[in-house]
Amino acid sequence: MTKQSVTIYSHDQSQKSQRLKEQLDVWGVNYKEKNITDNPNYLLELQKQGVFATPAIFIDDTCIEGLQLDRIKHELQI
């Protein structure tokens, strides 16, 4: 597995965000979390990229919206 940059945009009230973080932890993936509840500027960052929902995960330059675990696993090459 190559070293990839992984960033997730999450929201405190999103069960899917929590599930995504839990799964990334199970897989042993290091990630940076940007919680839009804690910092509204992260929401603006996300919207500038044409994304309007959480969770959203960026793996290098690829954005995957929602809880698409199979696609995320494929992109992470695990």
PDB file of N, CA and C in Angstrom:
ATOM      1  N   MET A   1       0.848  -1.180   0.000  1.00  0.00           N
ATOM      2  CA  MET A   1       0.000   0.000   0.000  1.00  0.00           C
ATOM      3  C   MET A   1       0.892   1.242   0.000  1.00  0.00           C
ATOM      4  N   THR A   2       0.608   2.165  -0.893  1.00  0.00           N
ATOM      5  CA  THR A   2       1.386   3.394  -0.958  1.00  0.00           C
ATOM      6  C   THR A   2       0.861   4.395   0.061  1.00  0.00           C
ATOM      7  N   LYS A   3       1.715   5.313   0.447  1.00  0.00           N
ATOM      8  CA  LYS A   3       1.339   6.360   1.393  1.00  0.00           C
ATOM      9  C   LYS A   3       0.484   7.386   0.660  1.00  0.00           C
ATOM     10  N   GLN A   4      -0.748   7.548   1.126  1.00  0.00           N
ATOM     11  CA  GLN A   4      -1.668   8.473   0.492  1.00  0.00           C
ATOM     12  C   GLN A   4      -2.107   9.531   1.495  1.00  0.00           C
ATOM     13  N   SER A   5      -2.461  10.680   0.976  1.00  0.00           N
ATOM     14  CA  SER A   5      -3.024  11.737   1.797  1.00  0.00           C
ATOM     15  C   SER A   5      -4.525  11.476   1.930  1.00  0.00           C
ATOM     16  N   VAL A   6      -4.994  11.356   3.164  1.00  0.00           N
ATOM     17  CA  VAL A   6      -6.406  11.060   3.401  1.00  0.00           C
ATOM     18  C   VAL A   6      -6.977  12.130   4.329  1.00  0.00           C
ATOM     19  N   THR A   7      -8.016  12.809   3.850  1.00  0.00           N
ATOM     20  CA  THR A   7      -8.706  13.826   4.637  1.00  0.00           C
ATOM     21  C   THR A   7     -10.190  13.522   4.607  1.00  0.00           C
ATOM     22  N   ILE A   8     -10.814  13.552   5.789  1.00  0.00           N
ATOM     23  CA  ILE A   8     -12.260  13.368   5.822  1.00  0.00           C
ATOM     24  C   ILE A   8     -12.918  14.630   6.370  1.00  0.00           C
ATOM     25  N   TYR A   9     -14.034  14.964   5.768  1.00  0.00           N
ATOM     26  CA  TYR A   9     -14.880  16.039   6.260  1.00  0.00           C
ATOM     27  C   TYR A   9     -16.048  15.373   6.966  1.00  0.00           C
ATOM     28  N   SER A  10     -16.237  15.749   8.228  1.00  0.00           N
ATOM     29  CA  SER A  10     -17.259  15.096   9.042  1.00  0.00           C
ATOM     30  C   SER A  10     -18.155  16.138   9.701  1.00  0.00           C
ATOM     31  N   HIS A  11     -19.195  15.631  10.357  1.00  0.00           N
ATOM     32  CA  HIS A  11     -20.159  16.456  11.069  1.00  0.00           C
ATOM     33  C   HIS A  11     -20.551  15.694  12.323  1.00  0.00           C
ATOM     34  N   ASP A  12     -20.664  16.379  13.444  1.00  0.00           N
ATOM     35  CA  ASP A  12     -20.960  15.712  14.717  1.00  0.00           C
ATOM     36  C   ASP A  12     -22.251  14.898  14.702  1.00  0.00           C
ATOM     37  N   GLN A  13     -23.250  15.345  13.978  1.00  0.00           N
ATOM     38  CA  GLN A  13     -24.545  14.666  13.982  1.00  0.00           C
ATOM     39  C   GLN A  13     -24.674  13.599  12.901  1.00  0.00           C
ATOM     40  N   SER A  14     -23.596  13.300  12.220  1.00  0.00           N
ATOM     41  CA  SER A  14     -23.625  12.338  11.116  1.00  0.00           C
ATOM     42  C   SER A  14     -23.145  10.966  11.582  1.00  0.00           C
ATOM     43  N   GLN A  15     -24.066  10.011  11.629  1.00  0.00           N
ATOM     44  CA  GLN A  15     -23.694   8.643  11.983  1.00  0.00           C
ATOM     45  C   GLN A  15     -22.768   8.046  10.930  1.00  0.00           C
ATOM     46  N   LYS A  16     -22.960   8.429   9.678  1.00  0.00           N
ATOM     47  CA  LYS A  16     -22.089   7.922   8.616  1.00  0.00           C
ATOM     48  C   LYS A  16     -20.663   8.438   8.786  1.00  0.00           C
ATOM     49  N   SER A  17     -20.517   9.665   9.254  1.00  0.00           N
ATOM     50  CA  SER A  17     -19.174  10.195   9.522  1.00  0.00           C
ATOM     51  C   SER A  17     -18.494   9.369  10.605  1.00  0.00           C
ATOM     52  N   GLN A  18     -19.232   9.066  11.655  1.00  0.00           N
ATOM     53  CA  GLN A  18     -18.672   8.263  12.747  1.00  0.00           C
ATOM     54  C   GLN A  18     -18.297   6.870  12.252  1.00  0.00           C
ATOM     55  N   ARG A  19     -19.163   6.277  11.452  1.00  0.00           N
ATOM     56  CA  ARG A  19     -18.905   4.934  10.917  1.00  0.00           C
ATOM     57  C   ARG A  19     -17.665   4.935  10.026  1.00  0.00           C
ATOM     58  N   LEU A  20     -17.511   5.971   9.213  1.00  0.00           N
ATOM     59  CA  LEU A  20     -16.341   6.074   8.342  1.00  0.00           C
ATOM     60  C   LEU A  20     -15.058   6.153   9.167  1.00  0.00           C
ATOM     61  N   LYS A  21     -15.049   6.993  10.194  1.00  0.00           N
ATOM     62  CA  LYS A  21     -13.856   7.114  11.038  1.00  0.00           C
ATOM     63  C   LYS A  21     -13.531   5.786  11.716  1.00  0.00           C
ATOM     64  N   GLU A  22     -14.555   5.100  12.204  1.00  0.00           N
ATOM     65  CA  GLU A  22     -14.338   3.803  12.843  1.00  0.00           C
ATOM     66  C   GLU A  22     -13.726   2.806  11.865  1.00  0.00           C
ATOM     67  N   GLN A  23     -14.236   2.787  10.630  1.00  0.00           N
ATOM     68  CA  GLN A  23     -13.721   1.834   9.645  1.00  0.00           C
ATOM     69  C   GLN A  23     -12.290   2.167   9.249  1.00  0.00           C
ATOM     70  N   LEU A  24     -11.984   3.435   9.084  1.00  0.00           N
ATOM     71  CA  LEU A  24     -10.609   3.821   8.760  1.00  0.00           C
ATOM     72  C   LEU A  24      -9.661   3.398   9.882  1.00  0.00           C
ATOM     73  N   ASP A  25     -10.114   3.524  11.124  1.00  0.00           N
ATOM     74  CA  ASP A  25      -9.298   3.082  12.259  1.00  0.00           C
ATOM     75  C   ASP A  25      -9.072   1.577  12.213  1.00  0.00           C
ATOM     76  N   VAL A  26     -10.115   0.813  11.892  1.00  0.00           N
ATOM     77  CA  VAL A  26      -9.986  -0.645  11.777  1.00  0.00           C
ATOM     78  C   VAL A  26      -8.965  -0.994  10.702  1.00  0.00           C
ATOM     79  N   TRP A  27      -9.000  -0.285   9.590  1.00  0.00           N
ATOM     80  CA  TRP A  27      -8.073  -0.535   8.490  1.00  0.00           C
ATOM     81  C   TRP A  27      -6.670  -0.005   8.780  1.00  0.00           C
ATOM     82  N   GLY A  28      -6.513   0.757   9.840  1.00  0.00           N
ATOM     83  CA  GLY A  28      -5.205   1.313  10.170  1.00  0.00           C
ATOM     84  C   GLY A  28      -4.795   2.479   9.289  1.00  0.00           C
ATOM     85  N   VAL A  29      -5.773   3.204   8.769  1.00  0.00           N
ATOM     86  CA  VAL A  29      -5.509   4.330   7.869  1.00  0.00           C
ATOM     87  C   VAL A  29      -5.344   5.611   8.691  1.00  0.00           C
ATOM     88  N   ASN A  30      -4.250   6.304   8.472  1.00  0.00           N
ATOM     89  CA  ASN A  30      -4.052   7.616   9.089  1.00  0.00           C
ATOM     90  C   ASN A  30      -4.792   8.650   8.251  1.00  0.00           C
ATOM     91  N   TYR A  31      -5.515   9.521   8.920  1.00  0.00           N
ATOM     92  CA  TYR A  31      -6.291  10.527   8.197  1.00  0.00           C
ATOM     93  C   TYR A  31      -6.337  11.819   8.995  1.00  0.00           C
ATOM     94  N   LYS A  32      -6.595  12.889   8.267  1.00  0.00           N
ATOM     95  CA  LYS A  32      -6.829  14.192   8.881  1.00  0.00           C
ATOM     96  C   LYS A  32      -8.333  14.419   8.860  1.00  0.00           C
ATOM     97  N   GLU A  33      -8.884  14.803   9.995  1.00  0.00           N
ATOM     98  CA  GLU A  33     -10.324  15.070  10.061  1.00  0.00           C
ATOM     99  C   GLU A  33     -10.570  16.571  10.076  1.00  0.00           C
ATOM    100  N   LYS A  34     -11.522  16.979   9.252  1.00  0.00           N
ATOM    101  CA  LYS A  34     -11.981  18.363   9.244  1.00  0.00           C
ATOM    102  C   LYS A  34     -13.469  18.335   9.602  1.00  0.00           C
ATOM    103  N   ASN A  35     -13.768  18.684  10.845  1.00  0.00           N
ATOM    104  CA  ASN A  35     -15.131  18.620  11.360  1.00  0.00           C
ATOM    105  C   ASN A  35     -15.818  19.961  11.121  1.00  0.00           C
ATOM    106  N   ILE A  36     -16.853  19.942  10.303  1.00  0.00           N
ATOM    107  CA  ILE A  36     -17.531  21.188   9.947  1.00  0.00           C
ATOM    108  C   ILE A  36     -18.361  21.740  11.097  1.00  0.00           C
ATOM    109  N   THR A  37     -18.660  20.909  12.099  1.00  0.00           N
ATOM    110  CA  THR A  37     -19.364  21.396  13.285  1.00  0.00           C
ATOM    111  C   THR A  37     -18.438  22.298  14.095  1.00  0.00           C
ATOM    112  N   ASP A  38     -17.195  21.877  14.232  1.00  0.00           N
ATOM    113  CA  ASP A  38     -16.217  22.630  15.013  1.00  0.00           C
ATOM    114  C   ASP A  38     -15.687  23.853  14.278  1.00  0.00           C
ATOM    115  N   ASN A  39     -15.616  23.771  12.960  1.00  0.00           N
ATOM    116  CA  ASN A  39     -15.028  24.850  12.177  1.00  0.00           C
ATOM    117  C   ASN A  39     -15.830  25.059  10.893  1.00  0.00           C
ATOM    118  N   PRO A  40     -16.731  26.036  10.877  1.00  0.00           N
ATOM    119  CA  PRO A  40     -17.559  26.288   9.690  1.00  0.00           C
ATOM    120  C   PRO A  40     -16.752  26.606   8.426  1.00  0.00           C
ATOM    121  N   ASN A  41     -15.508  27.040   8.573  1.00  0.00           N
ATOM    122  CA  ASN A  41     -14.676  27.299   7.393  1.00  0.00           C
ATOM    123  C   ASN A  41     -14.426  26.022   6.601  1.00  0.00           C
ATOM    124  N   TYR A  42     -14.424  24.878   7.284  1.00  0.00           N
ATOM    125  CA  TYR A  42     -14.258  23.605   6.585  1.00  0.00           C
ATOM    126  C   TYR A  42     -15.440  23.336   5.655  1.00  0.00           C
ATOM    127  N   LEU A  43     -16.630  23.772   6.061  1.00  0.00           N
ATOM    128  CA  LEU A  43     -17.800  23.625   5.191  1.00  0.00           C
ATOM    129  C   LEU A  43     -17.602  24.441   3.917  1.00  0.00           C
ATOM    130  N   LEU A  44     -17.079  25.637   4.054  1.00  0.00           N
ATOM    131  CA  LEU A  44     -16.816  26.474   2.878  1.00  0.00           C
ATOM    132  C   LEU A  44     -15.780  25.824   1.966  1.00  0.00           C
ATOM    133  N   GLU A  45     -14.730  25.236   2.557  1.00  0.00           N
ATOM    134  CA  GLU A  45     -13.725  24.507   1.764  1.00  0.00           C
ATOM    135  C   GLU A  45     -14.386  23.410   0.944  1.00  0.00           C
ATOM    136  N   LEU A  46     -15.247  22.670   1.604  1.00  0.00           N
ATOM    137  CA  LEU A  46     -15.921  21.540   0.968  1.00  0.00           C
ATOM    138  C   LEU A  46     -16.818  22.023  -0.169  1.00  0.00           C
ATOM    139  N   GLN A  47     -17.588  23.067   0.091  1.00  0.00           N
ATOM    140  CA  GLN A  47     -18.502  23.594  -0.918  1.00  0.00           C
ATOM    141  C   GLN A  47     -17.755  24.151  -2.126  1.00  0.00           C
ATOM    142  N   LYS A  48     -16.593  24.736  -1.922  1.00  0.00           N
ATOM    143  CA  LYS A  48     -15.793  25.250  -3.037  1.00  0.00           C
ATOM    144  C   LYS A  48     -15.354  24.133  -3.971  1.00  0.00           C
ATOM    145  N   GLN A  49     -15.343  22.909  -3.447  1.00  0.00           N
ATOM    146  CA  GLN A  49     -14.968  21.753  -4.259  1.00  0.00           C
ATOM    147  C   GLN A  49     -16.200  21.049  -4.832  1.00  0.00           C
ATOM    148  N   GLY A  50     -17.373  21.670  -4.657  1.00  0.00           N
ATOM    149  CA  GLY A  50     -18.598  21.124  -5.220  1.00  0.00           C
ATOM    150  C   GLY A  50     -19.215  20.005  -4.406  1.00  0.00           C
ATOM    151  N   VAL A  51     -18.843  19.910  -3.138  1.00  0.00           N
ATOM    152  CA  VAL A  51     -19.364  18.860  -2.263  1.00  0.00           C
ATOM    153  C   VAL A  51     -20.227  19.522  -1.196  1.00  0.00           C
ATOM    154  N   PHE A  52     -21.424  18.964  -0.991  1.00  0.00           N
ATOM    155  CA  PHE A  52     -22.377  19.604  -0.093  1.00  0.00           C
ATOM    156  C   PHE A  52     -22.913  18.680   0.992  1.00  0.00           C
ATOM    157  N   ALA A  53     -22.245  17.555   1.224  1.00  0.00           N
ATOM    158  CA  ALA A  53     -22.701  16.621   2.251  1.00  0.00           C
ATOM    159  C   ALA A  53     -21.505  15.947   2.913  1.00  0.00           C
ATOM    160  N   THR A  54     -21.744  15.474   4.128  1.00  0.00           N
ATOM    161  CA  THR A  54     -20.732  14.694   4.832  1.00  0.00           C
ATOM    162  C   THR A  54     -21.295  13.310   5.101  1.00  0.00           C
ATOM    163  N   PRO A  55     -20.437  12.315   5.236  1.00  0.00           N
ATOM    164  CA  PRO A  55     -18.994  12.443   5.167  1.00  0.00           C
ATOM    165  C   PRO A  55     -18.513  12.551   3.724  1.00  0.00           C
ATOM    166  N   ALA A  56     -17.392  13.175   3.575  1.00  0.00           N
ATOM    167  CA  ALA A  56     -16.683  13.205   2.293  1.00  0.00           C
ATOM    168  C   ALA A  56     -15.235  12.878   2.606  1.00  0.00           C
ATOM    169  N   ILE A  57     -14.660  12.006   1.812  1.00  0.00           N
ATOM    170  CA  ILE A  57     -13.270  11.616   2.024  1.00  0.00           C
ATOM    171  C   ILE A  57     -12.477  11.950   0.768  1.00  0.00           C
ATOM    172  N   PHE A  58     -11.337  12.584   0.972  1.00  0.00           N
ATOM    173  CA  PHE A  58     -10.416  12.888  -0.119  1.00  0.00           C
ATOM    174  C   PHE A  58      -9.198  11.996   0.052  1.00  0.00           C
ATOM    175  N   ILE A  59      -8.960  11.167  -0.939  1.00  0.00           N
ATOM    176  CA  ILE A  59      -7.787  10.307  -0.970  1.00  0.00           C
ATOM    177  C   ILE A  59      -6.923  10.847  -2.100  1.00  0.00           C
ATOM    178  N   ASP A  60      -5.838  11.487  -1.718  1.00  0.00           N
ATOM    179  CA  ASP A  60      -5.063  12.297  -2.654  1.00  0.00           C
ATOM    180  C   ASP A  60      -6.027  13.287  -3.312  1.00  0.00           C
ATOM    181  N   ASP A  61      -6.223  13.237  -4.614  1.00  0.00           N
ATOM    182  CA  ASP A  61      -7.110  14.195  -5.285  1.00  0.00           C
ATOM    183  C   ASP A  61      -8.487  13.623  -5.588  1.00  0.00           C
ATOM    184  N   THR A  62      -8.770  12.419  -5.131  1.00  0.00           N
ATOM    185  CA  THR A  62     -10.052  11.769  -5.402  1.00  0.00           C
ATOM    186  C   THR A  62     -11.014  12.001  -4.249  1.00  0.00           C
ATOM    187  N   CYS A  63     -12.213  12.485  -4.567  1.00  0.00           N
ATOM    188  CA  CYS A  63     -13.245  12.698  -3.553  1.00  0.00           C
ATOM    189  C   CYS A  63     -14.290  11.594  -3.653  1.00  0.00           C
ATOM    190  N   ILE A  64     -14.622  11.011  -2.511  1.00  0.00           N
ATOM    191  CA  ILE A  64     -15.695  10.027  -2.433  1.00  0.00           C
ATOM    192  C   ILE A  64     -16.687  10.548  -1.403  1.00  0.00           C
ATOM    193  N   GLU A  65     -17.920  10.741  -1.841  1.00  0.00           N
ATOM    194  CA  GLU A  65     -18.955  11.247  -0.947  1.00  0.00           C
ATOM    195  C   GLU A  65     -19.743  10.094  -0.346  1.00  0.00           C
ATOM    196  N   GLY A  66     -20.129  10.267   0.909  1.00  0.00           N
ATOM    197  CA  GLY A  66     -20.949   9.259   1.571  1.00  0.00           C
ATOM    198  C   GLY A  66     -20.118   8.099   2.093  1.00  0.00           C
ATOM    199  N   LEU A  67     -20.818   7.059   2.487  1.00  0.00           N
ATOM    200  CA  LEU A  67     -20.183   5.893   3.102  1.00  0.00           C
ATOM    201  C   LEU A  67     -20.081   4.776   2.074  1.00  0.00           C
ATOM    202  N   GLN A  68     -19.195   4.957   1.103  1.00  0.00           N
ATOM    203  CA  GLN A  68     -18.977   3.979   0.035  1.00  0.00           C
ATOM    204  C   GLN A  68     -17.729   3.163   0.374  1.00  0.00           C
ATOM    205  N   LEU A  69     -17.877   2.257   1.333  1.00  0.00           N
ATOM    206  CA  LEU A  69     -16.715   1.559   1.881  1.00  0.00           C
ATOM    207  C   LEU A  69     -15.955   0.747   0.846  1.00  0.00           C
ATOM    208  N   ASP A  70     -16.651   0.071  -0.061  1.00  0.00           N
ATOM    209  CA  ASP A  70     -15.954  -0.714  -1.083  1.00  0.00           C
ATOM    210  C   ASP A  70     -15.113   0.187  -1.986  1.00  0.00           C
ATOM    211  N   ARG A  71     -15.675   1.307  -2.379  1.00  0.00           N
ATOM    212  CA  ARG A  71     -14.939   2.240  -3.242  1.00  0.00           C
ATOM    213  C   ARG A  71     -13.750   2.852  -2.499  1.00  0.00           C
ATOM    214  N   ILE A  72     -13.955   3.181  -1.228  1.00  0.00           N
ATOM    215  CA  ILE A  72     -12.875   3.742  -0.417  1.00  0.00           C
ATOM    216  C   ILE A  72     -11.754   2.719  -0.264  1.00  0.00           C
ATOM    217  N   LYS A  73     -12.134   1.492   0.025  1.00  0.00           N
ATOM    218  CA  LYS A  73     -11.146   0.420   0.190  1.00  0.00           C
ATOM    219  C   LYS A  73     -10.349   0.226  -1.105  1.00  0.00           C
ATOM    220  N   HIS A  74     -11.040   0.265  -2.234  1.00  0.00           N
ATOM    221  CA  HIS A  74     -10.369   0.126  -3.530  1.00  0.00           C
ATOM    222  C   HIS A  74      -9.387   1.281  -3.756  1.00  0.00           C
ATOM    223  N   GLU A  75      -9.832   2.488  -3.482  1.00  0.00           N
ATOM    224  CA  GLU A  75      -8.981   3.666  -3.697  1.00  0.00           C
ATOM    225  C   GLU A  75      -7.758   3.639  -2.775  1.00  0.00           C
ATOM    226  N   LEU A  76      -7.936   3.088  -1.576  1.00  0.00           N
ATOM    227  CA  LEU A  76      -6.830   2.982  -0.623  1.00  0.00           C
ATOM    228  C   LEU A  76      -5.928   1.785  -0.909  1.00  0.00           C
ATOM    229  N   GLN A  77      -6.366   0.943  -1.845  1.00  0.00           N
ATOM    230  CA  GLN A  77      -5.606  -0.251  -2.233  1.00  0.00           C
ATOM    231  C   GLN A  77      -5.405  -1.197  -1.050  1.00  0.00           C
ATOM    232  N   ILE A  78      -6.498  -1.428  -0.314  1.00  0.00           N
ATOM    233  CA  ILE A  78      -6.431  -2.375   0.807  1.00  0.00           C
ATOM    234  C   ILE A  78      -7.477  -3.464   0.646  1.00  0.00           C
TER     235      ILE A  78
END
